[in-house]
Amino acid sequence: MKAQASRRAERAARLSLSLSIQLGEGVRELPVARARLRRWVAAAIESDATLTLRFVGRREARALNAQYRQRDYATNVLTFPYHAPGERVWADVVVCMPIVRSEARAQRKALDAHLAHLVVHGVLHACGHEHERDDDAERMEAAEAALLARFRLAWQRHGRRVS
């Protein structure tokens, strides 16, 4: 696991990242420093990437989820990839801060740890990771756990801490 994290860190240092960070309706300030957000995103990319990380309120998250996933509720993170396989990663990652805060409280996690997990999760989706099948979910969860460990953040699955 440490060797995999080390290889990922070396690869991330060589990759190009263009990152736009936006505040949507209902969000007045960034939940953590821009530099910290950039470090989380840079660690998770697997190829050159152009990403927008947008923090939104419930209304915008619900509207996006309804329009693009036909699910009429706000969800914690949505990823909208625009690139074809093999091309530079180009995607929007939308994080619903009221949901993230609520989940962090319910799971008794620090807000920054839960936020880091969801940012990494969204970026991994932008890079092509999925979790519909069990084997894909295991690979994605392993990547998330390794990335969060680099930032000394414990990864928690269904209430169980993994360090």
Protein backbone atom coordinates (compact mmCIF):
# COMPACT_ATOMS: atom_id res chain seq x y z
CA MET A 1 0.00 0.00 0.00
CA LYS A 2 2.87 2.41 0.84
CA ALA A 3 4.63 1.61 -2.44
CA GLN A 4 1.43 2.33 -4.36
CA ALA A 5 1.00 5.67 -2.54
CA SER A 6 4.64 6.55 -3.24
CA ARG A 7 4.26 5.81 -6.97
CA ARG A 8 1.06 7.87 -7.06
CA ALA A 9 2.86 10.80 -5.35
CA GLU A 10 5.73 10.67 -7.85
CA ARG A 11 3.31 10.53 -10.79
CA ALA A 12 1.22 13.40 -9.39
CA ALA A 13 4.34 15.57 -9.17
CA ARG A 14 4.82 15.19 -12.94
CA LEU A 15 1.22 15.84 -13.95
CA SER A 16 -0.32 19.07 -15.17
CA LEU A 17 -3.35 20.34 -13.26
CA SER A 18 -5.51 23.30 -14.17
CA LEU A 19 -7.94 23.79 -11.28
CA SER A 20 -10.77 26.29 -10.98
CA ILE A 21 -12.45 26.55 -7.57
CA GLN A 22 -15.92 28.07 -7.48
CA LEU A 23 -18.56 28.98 -4.92
CA GLY A 24 -22.15 28.35 -5.96
CA GLU A 25 -25.41 29.71 -4.66
CA GLY A 26 -25.71 29.42 -0.89
CA VAL A 27 -21.97 29.03 -0.23
CA ARG A 28 -20.18 32.17 0.95
CA GLU A 29 -16.68 30.88 1.66
CA LEU A 30 -14.41 27.96 0.96
CA PRO A 31 -14.61 25.24 3.61
CA VAL A 32 -10.78 24.91 3.70
CA ALA A 33 -7.88 26.82 2.15
CA ARG A 34 -7.46 26.77 -1.64
CA ALA A 35 -3.96 25.34 -1.27
CA ARG A 36 -5.31 22.39 0.70
CA LEU A 37 -8.02 21.71 -1.88
CA ARG A 38 -5.42 21.84 -4.65
CA ARG A 39 -3.19 19.34 -2.79
CA TRP A 40 -6.10 16.88 -2.43
CA VAL A 41 -7.03 17.20 -6.11
CA ALA A 42 -3.42 17.01 -7.33
CA ALA A 43 -2.84 13.85 -5.31
CA ALA A 44 -5.88 12.13 -6.81
CA ILE A 45 -5.38 12.88 -10.53
CA GLU A 46 -3.92 10.08 -12.60
CA SER A 47 -3.19 12.05 -15.76
CA ASP A 48 -3.06 15.68 -16.84
CA ALA A 49 -6.33 17.33 -15.86
CA THR A 50 -8.47 20.41 -16.19
CA LEU A 51 -10.96 20.41 -13.34
CA THR A 52 -13.52 22.68 -11.77
CA LEU A 53 -14.24 22.10 -8.09
CA ARG A 54 -17.54 23.81 -7.24
CA PHE A 55 -19.02 24.10 -3.74
CA VAL A 56 -22.80 24.46 -3.77
CA GLY A 57 -25.87 24.57 -1.54
CA ARG A 58 -28.73 22.06 -1.46
CA ARG A 59 -30.81 23.77 -4.14
CA GLU A 60 -28.11 23.67 -6.81
CA ALA A 61 -27.04 20.12 -5.89
CA ARG A 62 -30.64 18.92 -6.06
CA ALA A 63 -31.23 20.61 -9.42
CA LEU A 64 -28.06 19.08 -10.93
CA ASN A 65 -28.84 15.63 -9.54
CA ALA A 66 -32.40 15.82 -10.88
CA GLN A 67 -31.37 17.11 -14.29
CA TYR A 68 -28.44 14.78 -14.95
CA ARG A 69 -29.17 11.70 -12.84
CA GLN A 70 -32.98 11.86 -12.59
CA ARG A 71 -32.74 11.76 -8.79
CA ASP A 72 -34.71 14.52 -7.07
CA TYR A 73 -32.54 15.12 -4.01
CA ALA A 74 -29.27 16.78 -3.11
CA THR A 75 -26.30 14.44 -2.88
CA ASN A 76 -22.82 14.95 -1.39
CA VAL A 77 -20.72 14.95 -4.59
CA LEU A 78 -21.40 14.83 -8.31
CA THR A 79 -18.81 14.42 -11.04
CA PHE A 80 -19.35 15.48 -14.64
CA PRO A 81 -16.56 14.18 -16.92
CA TYR A 82 -16.40 15.68 -20.42
CA HIS A 83 -13.39 13.89 -21.90
CA ALA A 84 -13.08 10.70 -23.91
CA PRO A 85 -10.91 7.82 -22.63
CA GLY A 86 -7.25 8.52 -23.25
CA GLU A 87 -7.74 12.30 -23.46
CA ARG A 88 -6.72 14.87 -20.88
CA VAL A 89 -9.12 14.62 -17.94
CA TRP A 90 -11.69 17.42 -18.12
CA ALA A 91 -14.46 17.44 -15.54
CA ASP A 92 -16.52 19.34 -13.01
CA VAL A 93 -16.71 18.07 -9.43
CA VAL A 94 -19.63 19.54 -7.49
CA VAL A 95 -19.66 19.27 -3.69
CA CYS A 96 -22.81 20.05 -1.69
CA MET A 97 -21.53 21.58 1.55
CA PRO A 98 -24.74 21.29 3.62
CA ILE A 99 -24.83 17.55 2.88
CA VAL A 100 -21.11 17.16 3.61
CA ARG A 101 -21.51 18.95 6.96
CA SER A 102 -24.55 16.86 7.88
CA GLU A 103 -22.83 13.59 6.96
CA ALA A 104 -19.67 14.51 8.87
CA ARG A 105 -21.71 15.20 12.01
CA ALA A 106 -23.75 12.00 11.63
CA GLN A 107 -20.59 9.92 11.07
CA ARG A 108 -18.71 11.75 13.85
CA LYS A 109 -15.94 12.67 11.45
CA ALA A 110 -13.98 15.89 11.23
CA LEU A 111 -15.42 18.06 8.46
CA ASP A 112 -12.06 18.38 6.70
CA ALA A 113 -11.56 14.58 6.70
CA HIS A 114 -14.98 13.96 5.18
CA LEU A 115 -14.53 16.79 2.69
CA ALA A 116 -11.12 15.44 1.64
CA HIS A 117 -12.66 12.01 1.11
CA LEU A 118 -15.44 13.40 -1.09
CA VAL A 119 -13.09 15.63 -3.12
CA VAL A 120 -10.80 12.65 -3.73
CA HIS A 121 -13.83 10.47 -4.53
CA GLY A 122 -15.10 12.98 -7.08
CA VAL A 123 -11.69 13.38 -8.71
CA LEU A 124 -11.24 9.61 -8.95
CA HIS A 125 -14.60 9.45 -10.74
CA ALA A 126 -13.31 12.14 -13.12
CA CYS A 127 -10.30 9.89 -13.77
CA GLY A 128 -12.57 6.99 -14.70
CA HIS A 129 -12.99 5.09 -11.43
CA GLU A 130 -16.40 3.59 -10.72
CA HIS A 131 -17.91 1.64 -7.86
CA GLU A 132 -20.93 -0.09 -9.39
CA ARG A 133 -19.30 -3.54 -9.27
CA ASP A 134 -17.75 -4.93 -6.08
CA ASP A 135 -14.26 -5.32 -7.57
CA ASP A 136 -14.32 -1.75 -8.92
CA ALA A 137 -15.56 -0.48 -5.54
CA GLU A 138 -12.72 -2.27 -3.74
CA ARG A 139 -10.11 -0.71 -6.05
CA MET A 140 -11.64 2.75 -5.69
CA GLU A 141 -11.87 2.44 -1.90
CA ALA A 142 -8.24 1.28 -1.72
CA ALA A 143 -7.17 4.31 -3.76
CA GLU A 144 -9.21 6.63 -1.51
CA ALA A 145 -7.74 5.12 1.65
CA ALA A 146 -4.17 5.41 0.33
CA LEU A 147 -4.66 9.03 -0.74
CA LEU A 148 -6.24 10.07 2.57
CA ALA A 149 -3.44 8.33 4.48
CA ARG A 150 -0.95 10.61 2.66
CA PHE A 151 -2.70 13.53 4.36
CA ARG A 152 -2.86 11.70 7.69
CA LEU A 153 -6.63 11.46 7.42
CA ALA A 154 -8.28 8.22 8.40
CA TRP A 155 -10.68 6.75 5.89
CA GLN A 156 -13.96 5.52 7.29
CA ARG A 157 -16.24 3.02 5.63
CA HIS A 158 -19.74 2.54 7.00
CA GLY A 159 -18.74 3.73 10.46
CA ARG A 160 -15.57 1.61 10.60
CA ARG A 161 -12.26 3.47 10.69
CA VAL A 162 -9.47 2.31 8.43
CA SER A 163 -6.01 3.80 9.04
